[in-house]
Amino acid sequence: MHKTERVQRFEACIEGEVDGTIDMDRVAEFSNVGIPDAAHLRPLYWKVLLGYLPTDRSKWDETLTDMRKLYNNYIKAFLIDCRKEMTVSDPLGCSMNDPLAALEPKTPATENTEGTPETPWDEYQLNVELMSDIDKDVRRTHPDIHFFQSDPAYLRKYGVITGDIASYQADAEGQSPQRVQFTNLTPKTPNERGNVFEGSRPRTRLRALPKSLSDHDRLANGTFGGLLDKPQVSSHHAALVRILLVFARTNVAIKYVQGLNELASVIYYVFYTDAAPEERQHAEADAFWCFFNLMSPVMDLYTKDLDGDKSGLRGNMDSMMETLAAKDPTVHAHLERLGIPPDFFAIRWFTLLMGGEFALPDVVRVWDSLLSTFGGACGGDLLAHLRRVAVSMIVSIRDILLSLDYSGTIQTLQKFPASVDLNMILRGAMPDEVEE
């Protein structure tokens, strides 16, 4: 298949000049108009825009080798080494030959003044506390997307009995008419060690993990060595858990808050599905570092102490409404008259960077534009551009909103119409179209 002229232009842009130097302004400009779904271009553009790959292509191999190694070292330190340091007499009451027989911590983890745990036991407790929230959110990430659905082979590998997989999948995806309950019971035999299912159907135990599994498989996958009471449902879900746990452990100010799973999932999805086959094994590490860099300009949205600040969540929503009043005073007055503040619809718009308002392929297109701000396009300010996208969304359905009452207006804003032309919204969000 011959490459289109457009794809060739995008390839030439990311390949850079003769000396291997990439023009960041051009990369940002190209990204803003939408990156083609071809030639594995999008992962490269996003990695350059987010500062993961330098603009000097001659440094790419070294950078990727070093950063991927560092991420793997984080996994080893936070999930594997600390558990292997715990002896038979540790507070868990079990050796690491039995990684599934973990107990809930009875006291909070002890952290020093820098926010890092002081002992392997503290490290384990901190991981349990973080995993409790991360696991719940990751399990319900994009359940309608095949890529993020349960993988029977993965479930079998981590102890789920073959005959129980269908029920397990239904429960994990929130589709079971009667939720299955998971509890820890004392095993009757060594082969029945671990957790069991309880519900209207016969109880089924998880098989013991083979001793031949690697430390990574035992302690950083499946149930994560007993940190979870049941295995994650696919290798992609497990990758998201690791990304979010490492982020929480390396960002003590914010740790983990609901919604970060959605942001990380978009990057991981693109880096895995749109990458060259040989690069997919590195999708997790690359996604972590790009997610880490993405969080820099939006961190204040998740910081409660800054909620009322101009850079915080409420400050951005208030600024959005001020821009709407200037752009379309009629629609703004309609929302004011009905008593509908931005809290009723825009919190998710900002905290998920529009990740919950469109189908995933459209979210990726929106992010092409949002991430172009890292290269100086669209005013070079991600949150300012996000506010303009939000205003453009509202203006694009002004006629619908003006015809609706209180409940209809809220419902429409909370479930944005899929029929609206996304490219029209993004064109309407350009700085010269929306004055802030």
Protein backbone atom coordinates (compact mmCIF):
# COMPACT_ATOMS: atom_id res chain seq x y z
CA MET A 1 0.00 0.00 0.00
CA HIS A 2 1.41 3.34 -0.99
CA LYS A 3 1.71 5.95 1.69
CA THR A 4 -0.41 9.00 1.24
CA GLU A 5 1.21 12.37 0.75
CA ARG A 6 -0.11 13.43 4.16
CA VAL A 7 1.53 10.49 5.93
CA GLN A 8 4.79 11.21 4.12
CA ARG A 9 4.71 14.83 5.34
CA PHE A 10 4.19 13.69 8.93
CA GLU A 11 7.03 11.18 8.62
CA ALA A 12 9.38 13.82 7.24
CA CYS A 13 8.49 16.16 10.10
CA ILE A 14 9.28 13.64 12.85
CA GLU A 15 12.44 12.44 11.06
CA GLY A 16 13.83 15.95 11.36
CA GLU A 17 16.53 17.75 9.46
CA VAL A 18 19.64 16.25 7.88
CA ASP A 19 21.50 16.61 11.18
CA GLY A 20 18.74 14.71 13.02
CA THR A 21 17.30 17.76 14.77
CA ILE A 22 13.52 17.92 15.05
CA ASP A 23 11.66 21.21 14.72
CA MET A 24 9.37 21.19 17.76
CA ASP A 25 7.21 24.02 16.40
CA ARG A 26 6.41 21.97 13.30
CA VAL A 27 5.77 18.83 15.33
CA ALA A 28 3.28 20.75 17.48
CA GLU A 29 1.64 22.33 14.44
CA PHE A 30 1.25 18.96 12.73
CA SER A 31 -0.09 17.31 15.90
CA ASN A 32 -2.72 19.97 16.40
CA VAL A 33 -4.39 19.22 13.07
CA GLY A 34 -4.54 15.49 13.88
CA ILE A 35 -1.91 12.78 13.52
CA PRO A 36 -2.62 10.09 10.89
CA ASP A 37 -3.49 6.61 12.14
CA ALA A 38 -0.64 5.14 10.11
CA ALA A 39 3.08 4.37 10.11
CA HIS A 40 3.22 4.26 13.94
CA LEU A 41 3.39 8.05 13.93
CA ARG A 42 1.29 8.99 16.94
CA PRO A 43 3.47 7.35 19.64
CA LEU A 44 6.53 9.16 18.25
CA TYR A 45 4.79 12.53 18.11
CA TRP A 46 3.42 12.21 21.64
CA LYS A 47 6.77 11.09 23.05
CA VAL A 48 8.52 14.10 21.51
CA LEU A 49 5.82 16.57 22.54
CA LEU A 50 5.77 15.30 26.12
CA GLY A 51 9.53 15.65 26.40
CA TYR A 52 10.24 11.95 26.73
CA LEU A 53 12.25 11.86 23.51
CA PRO A 54 14.71 14.70 22.86
CA THR A 55 14.57 16.77 19.68
CA ASP A 56 17.99 15.32 18.77
CA ARG A 57 17.18 11.93 17.22
CA SER A 58 20.74 10.71 17.71
CA LYS A 59 19.98 10.56 21.47
CA TRP A 60 16.78 8.53 21.15
CA ASP A 61 18.25 5.06 21.62
CA GLU A 62 20.25 6.06 24.68
CA THR A 63 17.29 7.89 26.21
CA LEU A 64 14.90 5.00 25.69
CA THR A 65 17.37 2.46 27.10
CA ASP A 66 18.04 4.54 30.22
CA MET A 67 14.43 5.51 30.96
CA ARG A 68 13.03 2.02 30.39
CA LYS A 69 15.69 0.60 32.68
CA LEU A 70 14.85 3.18 35.35
CA TYR A 71 11.15 2.33 35.21
CA ASN A 72 11.90 -1.38 35.55
CA ASN A 73 14.10 -0.55 38.53
CA TYR A 74 11.14 1.24 40.13
CA ILE A 75 8.99 -1.86 39.65
CA LYS A 76 11.70 -4.00 41.18
CA ALA A 77 12.18 -1.68 44.15
CA PHE A 78 8.54 -0.93 44.94
CA LEU A 79 6.97 -4.33 44.29
CA ILE A 80 9.62 -7.03 44.36
CA ASP A 81 12.69 -6.27 46.45
CA CYS A 82 10.77 -4.97 49.45
CA ARG A 83 8.72 -8.19 49.58
CA LYS A 84 11.75 -10.44 49.22
CA GLU A 85 13.31 -8.67 52.20
CA MET A 86 10.41 -9.73 54.39
CA THR A 87 11.32 -12.95 56.24
CA VAL A 88 9.23 -15.83 57.58
CA SER A 89 8.83 -13.92 60.83
CA ASP A 90 7.51 -10.77 59.18
CA PRO A 91 4.14 -9.26 60.26
CA LEU A 92 2.45 -11.01 57.34
CA GLY A 93 3.07 -14.32 58.98
CA CYS A 94 4.04 -15.95 55.71
CA SER A 95 7.11 -16.44 53.57
CA MET A 96 7.44 -15.27 50.00
CA ASN A 97 7.07 -18.88 48.86
CA ASP A 98 3.39 -18.23 49.55
CA PRO A 99 2.78 -14.79 47.96
CA LEU A 100 -1.02 -15.15 47.85
CA ALA A 101 -1.42 -15.68 51.59
CA ALA A 102 -1.25 -11.98 52.50
CA LEU A 103 -3.22 -10.35 55.29
CA GLU A 104 -4.76 -6.88 55.43
CA PRO A 105 -2.50 -4.42 57.30
CA LYS A 106 -3.69 -3.56 60.78
CA THR A 107 -1.93 -0.20 61.07
CA PRO A 108 -1.17 2.55 58.56
CA ALA A 109 2.20 2.64 56.90
CA THR A 110 4.86 4.72 58.65
CA GLU A 111 6.49 7.32 56.40
CA ASN A 112 9.42 9.60 57.11
CA THR A 113 9.41 13.36 56.53
CA GLU A 114 10.06 12.81 52.82
CA GLY A 115 6.95 10.67 52.48
CA THR A 116 8.80 7.39 51.87
CA PRO A 117 8.26 4.20 53.94
CA GLU A 118 10.89 3.34 56.51
CA THR A 119 10.78 -0.48 56.50
CA PRO A 120 9.78 -3.27 54.09
CA TRP A 121 6.64 -3.78 56.20
CA ASP A 122 5.78 -0.07 55.87
CA GLU A 123 6.39 -0.38 52.15
CA TYR A 124 4.01 -3.31 51.95
CA GLN A 125 1.33 -1.46 53.90
CA LEU A 126 1.67 1.64 51.74
CA ASN A 127 1.30 -0.47 48.60
CA VAL A 128 -1.86 -2.10 50.01
CA GLU A 129 -3.36 1.31 50.79
CA LEU A 130 -2.62 2.61 47.29
CA MET A 131 -3.67 -0.61 45.56
CA SER A 132 -7.08 -0.50 47.18
CA ASP A 133 -8.04 2.58 45.16
CA ILE A 134 -5.98 1.89 42.04
CA ASP A 135 -7.34 -1.63 41.61
CA LYS A 136 -11.00 -0.58 41.81
CA ASP A 137 -10.56 2.15 39.20
CA VAL A 138 -8.43 0.13 36.79
CA ARG A 139 -10.94 -2.74 36.73
CA ARG A 140 -13.63 -0.41 35.34
CA THR A 141 -11.41 1.36 32.81
CA HIS A 142 -12.92 1.33 29.29
CA PRO A 143 -14.91 -1.91 29.74
CA ASP A 144 -16.52 -1.35 26.32
CA ILE A 145 -13.15 -1.42 24.52
CA HIS A 146 -11.99 -4.90 23.47
CA PHE A 147 -8.37 -4.01 24.25
CA PHE A 148 -9.27 -3.52 27.93
CA GLN A 149 -11.52 -6.56 28.35
CA SER A 150 -10.72 -9.71 30.30
CA ASP A 151 -8.17 -12.17 28.97
CA PRO A 152 -8.96 -15.84 29.80
CA ALA A 153 -5.34 -16.91 29.27
CA TYR A 154 -4.14 -14.30 31.74
CA LEU A 155 -6.76 -15.35 34.31
CA ARG A 156 -5.78 -19.02 33.98
CA LYS A 157 -2.10 -18.14 34.41
CA TYR A 158 -2.84 -16.43 37.71
CA GLY A 159 -4.92 -19.14 39.29
CA VAL A 160 -8.51 -18.79 38.05
CA ILE A 161 -10.03 -22.19 37.31
CA THR A 162 -11.00 -22.57 33.63
CA GLY A 163 -14.64 -23.40 34.41
CA ASP A 164 -14.96 -20.23 36.51
CA ILE A 165 -13.55 -17.75 34.01
CA ALA A 166 -16.90 -16.71 32.48
CA SER A 167 -18.38 -15.82 35.88
CA TYR A 168 -15.16 -14.11 36.90
CA GLN A 169 -15.12 -11.98 33.75
CA ALA A 170 -18.76 -10.97 34.18
CA ASP A 171 -18.12 -9.89 37.76
CA ALA A 172 -14.92 -8.05 36.91
CA GLU A 173 -16.69 -6.11 34.17
CA GLY A 174 -19.67 -5.26 36.36
CA GLN A 175 -22.09 -7.35 34.33
CA SER A 176 -22.93 -10.11 36.79
CA PRO A 177 -26.54 -10.01 38.03
CA GLN A 178 -25.28 -11.10 41.44
CA ARG A 179 -21.92 -9.73 42.41
CA VAL A 180 -19.47 -12.46 43.40
CA GLN A 181 -17.87 -11.97 46.80
CA PHE A 182 -14.20 -12.75 47.38
CA THR A 183 -12.86 -13.76 50.79
CA ASN A 184 -9.71 -15.30 52.28
CA LEU A 185 -10.07 -18.74 53.86
CA THR A 186 -7.59 -21.06 55.47
CA PRO A 187 -6.59 -23.57 52.77
CA LYS A 188 -7.44 -27.23 53.32
CA THR A 189 -4.53 -28.45 51.20
CA PRO A 190 -1.44 -26.79 49.68
CA ASN A 191 -3.16 -26.82 46.26
CA GLU A 192 -6.16 -24.91 47.61
CA ARG A 193 -4.13 -22.04 48.96
CA GLY A 194 -5.42 -18.54 48.34
CA ASN A 195 -8.76 -16.87 47.79
CA VAL A 196 -12.20 -18.27 47.04
CA PHE A 197 -15.34 -17.11 45.29
CA GLU A 198 -18.58 -17.02 47.24
CA GLY A 199 -21.98 -16.54 45.68
CA SER A 200 -25.01 -18.42 44.48
CA ARG A 201 -22.83 -20.76 42.44
CA PRO A 202 -20.38 -23.33 43.89
CA ARG A 203 -17.32 -21.84 45.54
CA THR A 204 -14.14 -22.04 43.50
CA ARG A 205 -10.64 -21.60 44.83
CA LEU A 206 -7.75 -19.95 43.03
CA ARG A 207 -5.02 -22.43 42.18
CA ALA A 208 -1.65 -21.99 43.79
CA LEU A 209 0.84 -20.26 41.49
CA PRO A 210 3.59 -22.47 40.01
CA LYS A 211 6.94 -22.09 41.72
CA SER A 212 8.51 -21.66 38.30
CA LEU A 213 6.98 -18.19 37.90
CA SER A 214 9.43 -15.30 37.96
CA ASP A 215 9.50 -12.77 40.80
CA HIS A 216 7.86 -10.26 38.44
CA ASP A 217 4.99 -12.68 37.74
CA ARG A 218 4.49 -13.51 41.42
CA LEU A 219 4.85 -10.06 42.93
CA ALA A 220 4.14 -7.54 40.17
CA ASN A 221 1.33 -9.28 38.29
CA GLY A 222 -1.90 -11.17 38.93
CA THR A 223 -2.72 -10.50 42.59
CA PHE A 224 0.64 -8.69 43.00
CA GLY A 225 1.80 -11.16 45.61
CA GLY A 226 -1.44 -10.90 47.60
CA LEU A 227 -1.78 -7.10 47.49
CA LEU A 228 -5.07 -7.73 45.64
CA ASP A 229 -7.68 -10.26 46.75
CA LYS A 230 -8.20 -11.38 43.15
CA PRO A 231 -6.04 -11.15 40.02
CA GLN A 232 -6.30 -8.31 37.59
CA VAL A 233 -8.21 -9.43 34.50
CA SER A 234 -5.61 -8.89 31.76
CA SER A 235 -1.98 -7.98 31.20
CA HIS A 236 -3.10 -4.48 30.10
CA HIS A 237 -4.94 -3.89 33.36
CA ALA A 238 -1.91 -5.10 35.30
CA ALA A 239 0.31 -2.70 33.33
CA LEU A 240 -1.96 0.21 34.29
CA VAL A 241 -1.81 -0.84 37.94
CA ARG A 242 1.99 -0.80 37.86
CA ILE A 243 2.10 2.57 36.06
CA LEU A 244 -0.22 4.16 38.61
CA LEU A 245 1.47 2.59 41.62
CA VAL A 246 4.92 3.76 40.53
CA PHE A 247 3.49 7.23 39.87
CA ALA A 248 1.93 7.30 43.33
CA ARG A 249 5.16 6.19 44.95
CA THR A 250 7.25 8.80 43.10
CA ASN A 251 4.78 11.67 43.58
CA VAL A 252 4.14 11.82 47.32
CA ALA A 253 2.27 15.14 47.05
CA ILE A 254 -0.59 13.70 45.02
CA LYS A 255 -0.06 9.92 45.17
CA TYR A 256 -3.19 8.57 43.48
CA VAL A 257 -6.61 10.12 42.93
CA GLN A 258 -9.58 8.85 40.98
CA GLY A 259 -9.37 9.68 37.28
CA LEU A 260 -5.64 9.20 36.84
CA ASN A 261 -6.40 5.70 35.56
CA GLU A 262 -8.28 7.24 32.63
CA LEU A 263 -5.38 9.53 31.70
CA ALA A 264 -2.78 6.77 31.92
CA SER A 265 -4.99 4.40 29.93
CA VAL A 266 -5.17 6.72 26.91
CA ILE A 267 -1.39 6.96 26.63
CA TYR A 268 -0.85 3.24 27.22
CA TYR A 269 -3.53 2.35 24.67
CA VAL A 270 -1.90 4.52 21.99
CA PHE A 271 1.63 3.32 22.74
CA TYR A 272 0.59 -0.34 22.57
CA THR A 273 -1.92 -0.41 19.72
CA ASP A 274 -0.25 2.14 17.46
CA ALA A 275 3.36 1.07 17.99
CA ALA A 276 5.56 -1.13 15.86
CA PRO A 277 5.28 -4.75 17.08
CA GLU A 278 8.80 -4.76 18.49
CA GLU A 279 8.01 -1.66 20.57
CA ARG A 280 4.90 -3.03 22.32
CA GLN A 281 6.97 -4.68 25.04
CA HIS A 282 8.06 -1.17 26.05
CA ALA A 283 4.60 0.44 25.92
CA GLU A 284 4.23 0.32 29.70
CA ALA A 285 7.53 2.01 30.54
CA ASP A 286 7.14 4.63 27.81
CA ALA A 287 3.55 5.33 28.88
CA PHE A 288 4.65 5.84 32.48
CA TRP A 289 7.18 8.53 31.62
CA CYS A 290 4.82 10.34 29.25
CA PHE A 291 2.04 10.17 31.84
CA PHE A 292 4.49 11.51 34.41
CA ASN A 293 5.30 14.49 32.16
CA LEU A 294 1.65 15.05 31.22
CA MET A 295 0.77 15.49 34.89
CA SER A 296 3.14 18.42 35.33
CA PRO A 297 0.86 21.16 33.90
CA VAL A 298 -2.38 19.64 35.24
CA MET A 299 -1.26 18.61 38.74
CA ASP A 300 -3.08 21.53 40.37
CA LEU A 301 -6.43 20.16 39.17
CA TYR A 302 -5.97 17.25 41.58
CA THR A 303 -4.60 19.24 44.53
CA LYS A 304 -7.37 20.04 47.03
CA ASP A 305 -5.42 22.88 48.66
CA LEU A 306 -5.36 24.68 45.29
CA ASP A 307 -9.01 24.10 44.44
CA GLY A 308 -9.89 27.78 44.87
CA ASP A 309 -6.71 29.01 43.22
CA LYS A 310 -6.74 30.20 39.63
CA SER A 311 -4.64 27.17 38.65
CA GLY A 312 -6.90 24.73 40.51
CA LEU A 313 -10.05 22.95 39.40
CA ARG A 314 -12.55 25.60 40.46
CA GLY A 315 -10.37 28.40 39.14
CA ASN A 316 -10.27 26.75 35.71
CA MET A 317 -14.01 26.15 35.66
CA ASP A 318 -14.69 29.76 36.65
CA SER A 319 -12.34 30.96 33.91
CA MET A 320 -14.16 28.72 31.43
CA MET A 321 -17.49 30.33 32.33
CA GLU A 322 -16.02 33.82 31.98
CA THR A 323 -14.79 32.91 28.51
CA LEU A 324 -18.20 31.48 27.65
CA ALA A 325 -19.86 34.73 28.77
CA ALA A 326 -17.63 36.65 26.36
CA LYS A 327 -18.00 34.17 23.50
CA ASP A 328 -21.73 33.45 23.76
CA PRO A 329 -23.50 35.57 26.40
CA THR A 330 -26.88 34.08 25.47
CA VAL A 331 -25.89 30.52 26.37
CA HIS A 332 -24.08 31.74 29.49
CA ALA A 333 -27.22 33.60 30.60
CA HIS A 334 -29.28 30.45 29.94
CA LEU A 335 -27.10 28.41 32.29
CA GLU A 336 -27.17 31.19 34.88
CA ARG A 337 -30.97 31.49 34.70
CA LEU A 338 -31.39 27.72 35.17
CA GLY A 339 -28.93 27.74 38.06
CA ILE A 340 -26.51 25.27 36.48
CA PRO A 341 -22.92 25.84 37.69
CA PRO A 342 -19.96 24.19 35.94
CA ASP A 343 -19.63 21.78 38.89
CA PHE A 344 -22.61 19.89 37.43
CA PHE A 345 -20.86 18.96 34.19
CA ALA A 346 -17.31 20.26 33.83
CA ILE A 347 -15.43 18.54 36.66
CA ARG A 348 -15.03 15.42 34.56
CA TRP A 349 -14.16 17.50 31.48
CA PHE A 350 -11.12 18.91 33.26
CA THR A 351 -9.97 16.05 35.46
CA LEU A 352 -10.13 13.51 32.60
CA LEU A 353 -8.93 15.95 29.90
CA MET A 354 -12.12 15.18 27.97
CA GLY A 355 -11.39 11.47 28.28
CA GLY A 356 -14.92 10.69 29.42
CA GLU A 357 -16.85 12.73 26.87
CA PHE A 358 -16.03 11.01 23.59
CA ALA A 359 -15.36 7.55 22.22
CA LEU A 360 -11.72 6.55 22.77
CA PRO A 361 -10.59 7.14 19.14
CA ASP A 362 -12.05 10.66 19.37
CA VAL A 363 -10.38 11.22 22.73
CA VAL A 364 -7.07 10.38 21.05
CA ARG A 365 -7.79 13.02 18.39
CA VAL A 366 -8.59 15.61 21.08
CA TRP A 367 -5.32 14.76 22.79
CA ASP A 368 -3.40 15.33 19.54
CA SER A 369 -4.52 18.93 19.90
CA LEU A 370 -4.09 19.20 23.69
CA LEU A 371 -0.58 17.74 23.63
CA SER A 372 0.46 20.11 20.85
CA THR A 373 0.55 22.79 23.57
CA PHE A 374 3.70 21.14 24.94
CA GLY A 375 5.39 22.17 21.71
CA GLY A 376 4.05 25.72 21.79
CA ALA A 377 0.95 25.31 19.60
CA CYS A 378 -2.48 26.64 20.61
CA GLY A 379 -0.90 29.23 22.88
CA GLY A 380 1.43 26.74 24.57
CA ASP A 381 -0.81 26.36 27.65
CA LEU A 382 -2.59 23.02 28.03
CA LEU A 383 -5.17 24.16 30.59
CA ALA A 384 -5.96 27.33 28.65
CA HIS A 385 -6.50 25.25 25.52
CA LEU A 386 -8.61 22.76 27.50
CA ARG A 387 -10.82 25.65 28.65
CA ARG A 388 -11.25 26.79 25.05
CA VAL A 389 -12.19 23.25 23.97
CA ALA A 390 -14.80 23.19 26.75
CA VAL A 391 -16.25 26.53 25.65
CA SER A 392 -16.30 25.41 22.02
CA MET A 393 -18.18 22.24 23.05
CA ILE A 394 -20.89 24.28 24.76
CA VAL A 395 -21.19 26.74 21.89
CA SER A 396 -21.41 23.90 19.35
CA ILE A 397 -24.69 22.73 20.93
CA ARG A 398 -26.06 26.17 21.82
CA ASP A 399 -29.29 25.71 19.88
CA ILE A 400 -29.98 22.41 21.63
CA LEU A 401 -29.24 23.85 25.07
CA LEU A 402 -31.41 26.93 24.56
CA SER A 403 -34.39 24.71 23.79
CA LEU A 404 -34.05 22.62 26.96
CA ASP A 405 -35.19 22.96 30.55
CA TYR A 406 -33.10 22.41 33.68
CA SER A 407 -32.94 18.60 33.61
CA GLY A 408 -32.53 18.40 29.82
CA THR A 409 -29.66 20.88 29.85
CA ILE A 410 -27.81 19.00 32.58
CA GLN A 411 -28.31 15.65 30.88
CA THR A 412 -27.04 16.98 27.56
CA LEU A 413 -23.94 18.54 29.10
CA GLN A 414 -23.21 15.41 31.14
CA LYS A 415 -23.60 13.16 28.10
CA PHE A 416 -22.28 15.21 25.23
CA PRO A 417 -24.01 14.44 21.89
CA ALA A 418 -21.94 12.08 19.77
CA SER A 419 -23.29 13.61 16.57
CA VAL A 420 -21.40 16.88 16.97
CA ASP A 421 -18.48 17.34 14.55
CA LEU A 422 -15.34 16.97 16.66
CA ASN A 423 -13.14 18.80 14.15
CA MET A 424 -15.55 21.74 14.27
CA ILE A 425 -15.17 21.83 18.07
CA LEU A 426 -11.38 21.82 17.82
CA ARG A 427 -11.35 24.53 15.15
CA GLY A 428 -13.57 26.62 17.38
CA ALA A 429 -11.09 26.19 20.24
CA MET A 430 -8.16 27.86 18.49
CA PRO A 431 -6.86 30.97 20.30
CA ASP A 432 -7.94 33.30 17.51
CA GLU A 433 -11.48 31.89 17.76
CA VAL A 434 -11.88 32.15 21.54
CA GLU A 435 -10.60 35.20 23.39
CA GLU A 436 -9.73 34.60 27.04
